[in-house]
Structures are given as C-alpha cells and as structure tokens.
Amino acid sequence: MFLGSPLKCLRKQHSSLYMDVQCLKSLHNIEVTTYINISDSVFSIAGQVSQTTEVADGEVSGAQSASAMSSIILR
C-alpha cells in the first residue's frame, strides 16, 4: 500500500486541470486521487483514477480503476 496524503493544492496550481477533473467527477462518477511521499532519499508520486456505475436504486452495477506510481532516487 502506498502511504501519503492527497494532493490538496491541485486547484491552486492547475486550475484548468482541476476544472476538468470536477467535470469528469460529476458527469461520469470519476474520482482522481494523487499521492506524494518523500522519505529518506526517495521521492514517490502515485495516482489513482476510479469510476463507478450505479443503477437507479443506488446499487453499484460496475466499477473500474487504474493506478500508477513513479519513484525517483534523490542523491
């Protein structure tokens, strides 16, 4: 499991990207989460995109997600 905290400054630094994410989230039930972790001499960033499809009564009829992680060794 990747440990870190969600990136909260996304809307301040990338306002257009933030707006695009909000549109996707509201129209297609898509959630985007970004994590950043710095420990020892390793900088890691990870992202996850997930989508759920619901039917009228609130039951989940389908779900999908994708994630990626990259690490950089700092010297």
C-alpha atoms as a PDB file:
ATOM      1  CA  MET A   1       0.000   0.000   0.000  1.00  0.00           C
ATOM      2  CA  PHE A   2       1.266   3.447  -0.887  1.00  0.00           C
ATOM      3  CA  LEU A   3       1.403   5.836   2.040  1.00  0.00           C
ATOM      4  CA  GLY A   4       0.979   9.538   1.524  1.00  0.00           C
ATOM      5  CA  SER A   5      -1.574  12.287   1.639  1.00  0.00           C
ATOM      6  CA  PRO A   6      -3.880  13.525  -1.138  1.00  0.00           C
ATOM      7  CA  LEU A   7      -2.511  16.483  -3.046  1.00  0.00           C
ATOM      8  CA  LYS A   8      -4.643  19.424  -1.901  1.00  0.00           C
ATOM      9  CA  CYS A   9      -3.031  22.232  -3.925  1.00  0.00           C
ATOM     10  CA  LEU A  10      -4.142  20.871  -7.315  1.00  0.00           C
ATOM     11  CA  ARG A  11      -6.728  23.600  -7.860  1.00  0.00           C
ATOM     12  CA  LYS A  12      -4.304  26.390  -6.946  1.00  0.00           C
ATOM     13  CA  GLN A  13      -1.531  25.319  -9.310  1.00  0.00           C
ATOM     14  CA  HIS A  14      -3.543  23.759 -12.137  1.00  0.00           C
ATOM     15  CA  SER A  15      -6.948  25.399 -12.196  1.00  0.00           C
ATOM     16  CA  SER A  16      -7.889  24.126 -15.669  1.00  0.00           C
ATOM     17  CA  LEU A  17      -6.930  20.556 -14.768  1.00  0.00           C
ATOM     18  CA  TYR A  18      -8.947  20.861 -11.559  1.00  0.00           C
ATOM     19  CA  MET A  19     -11.999  22.022 -13.501  1.00  0.00           C
ATOM     20  CA  ASP A  20     -11.639  19.128 -15.958  1.00  0.00           C
ATOM     21  CA  VAL A  21     -11.444  16.666 -13.073  1.00  0.00           C
ATOM     22  CA  GLN A  22     -14.555  18.168 -11.450  1.00  0.00           C
ATOM     23  CA  CYS A  23     -16.486  17.848 -14.717  1.00  0.00           C
ATOM     24  CA  LEU A  24     -15.456  14.209 -15.095  1.00  0.00           C
ATOM     25  CA  LYS A  25     -16.358  13.507 -11.477  1.00  0.00           C
ATOM     26  CA  SER A  26     -19.832  14.998 -11.707  1.00  0.00           C
ATOM     27  CA  LEU A  27     -20.751  13.646 -15.146  1.00  0.00           C
ATOM     28  CA  HIS A  28     -19.213  10.172 -15.058  1.00  0.00           C
ATOM     29  CA  ASN A  29     -18.683   9.323 -11.361  1.00  0.00           C
ATOM     30  CA  ILE A  30     -14.912   9.512 -11.831  1.00  0.00           C
ATOM     31  CA  GLU A  31     -12.624  10.165  -8.873  1.00  0.00           C
ATOM     32  CA  VAL A  32      -8.968  11.145  -9.220  1.00  0.00           C
ATOM     33  CA  THR A  33      -6.561  10.901  -6.274  1.00  0.00           C
ATOM     34  CA  THR A  34      -2.885  11.886  -6.220  1.00  0.00           C
ATOM     35  CA  TYR A  35      -0.394  10.964  -3.502  1.00  0.00           C
ATOM     36  CA  ILE A  36       3.105  12.328  -2.900  1.00  0.00           C
ATOM     37  CA  ASN A  37       5.576  10.756  -0.487  1.00  0.00           C
ATOM     38  CA  ILE A  38       9.139  11.808   0.370  1.00  0.00           C
ATOM     39  CA  SER A  39      11.100   9.533   2.685  1.00  0.00           C
ATOM     40  CA  ASP A  40      14.841   9.036   3.107  1.00  0.00           C
ATOM     41  CA  SER A  41      16.200   9.723  -0.379  1.00  0.00           C
ATOM     42  CA  VAL A  42      13.202   8.585  -2.431  1.00  0.00           C
ATOM     43  CA  PHE A  43      10.526  10.834  -3.920  1.00  0.00           C
ATOM     44  CA  SER A  44       7.386   8.954  -4.943  1.00  0.00           C
ATOM     45  CA  ILE A  45       4.210  10.086  -6.644  1.00  0.00           C
ATOM     46  CA  ALA A  46       1.193   7.910  -7.271  1.00  0.00           C
ATOM     47  CA  GLY A  47      -2.180   8.467  -8.826  1.00  0.00           C
ATOM     48  CA  GLN A  48      -5.406   6.536  -8.965  1.00  0.00           C
ATOM     49  CA  VAL A  49      -8.448   7.014 -11.163  1.00  0.00           C
ATOM     50  CA  SER A  50     -11.636   5.146 -10.318  1.00  0.00           C
ATOM     51  CA  GLN A  51     -15.125   5.077 -11.782  1.00  0.00           C
ATOM     52  CA  THR A  52     -18.331   3.510 -10.522  1.00  0.00           C
ATOM     53  CA  THR A  53     -21.542   2.995 -12.444  1.00  0.00           C
ATOM     54  CA  GLU A  54     -24.761   2.980 -10.430  1.00  0.00           C
ATOM     55  CA  VAL A  55     -28.289   1.953 -11.253  1.00  0.00           C
ATOM     56  CA  ALA A  56     -31.373   3.899 -10.175  1.00  0.00           C
ATOM     57  CA  ASP A  57     -31.739   2.396  -6.693  1.00  0.00           C
ATOM     58  CA  GLY A  58     -28.121   3.135  -5.718  1.00  0.00           C
ATOM     59  CA  GLU A  59     -26.650  -0.325  -6.248  1.00  0.00           C
ATOM     60  CA  VAL A  60     -23.276  -0.452  -7.961  1.00  0.00           C
ATOM     61  CA  SER A  61     -23.526  -2.208 -11.309  1.00  0.00           C
ATOM     62  CA  GLY A  62     -19.895  -1.783 -12.314  1.00  0.00           C
ATOM     63  CA  ALA A  63     -16.609  -0.371 -11.104  1.00  0.00           C
ATOM     64  CA  GLN A  64     -13.185   0.108 -12.614  1.00  0.00           C
ATOM     65  CA  SER A  65      -9.945   1.700 -11.507  1.00  0.00           C
ATOM     66  CA  ALA A  66      -6.408   2.318 -12.691  1.00  0.00           C
ATOM     67  CA  SER A  67      -3.336   3.372 -10.756  1.00  0.00           C
ATOM     68  CA  ALA A  68       0.278   4.276 -11.424  1.00  0.00           C
ATOM     69  CA  MET A  69       3.307   5.044  -9.282  1.00  0.00           C
ATOM     70  CA  SER A  70       6.717   6.516 -10.019  1.00  0.00           C
ATOM     71  CA  SER A  71       9.746   6.852  -7.737  1.00  0.00           C
ATOM     72  CA  ILE A  72      12.866   8.997  -8.062  1.00  0.00           C
ATOM     73  CA  ILE A  73      16.002   8.359  -6.013  1.00  0.00           C
ATOM     74  CA  LEU A  74      17.421  11.648  -4.711  1.00  0.00           C
ATOM     75  CA  ARG A  75      21.180  11.858  -4.246  1.00  0.00           C
END
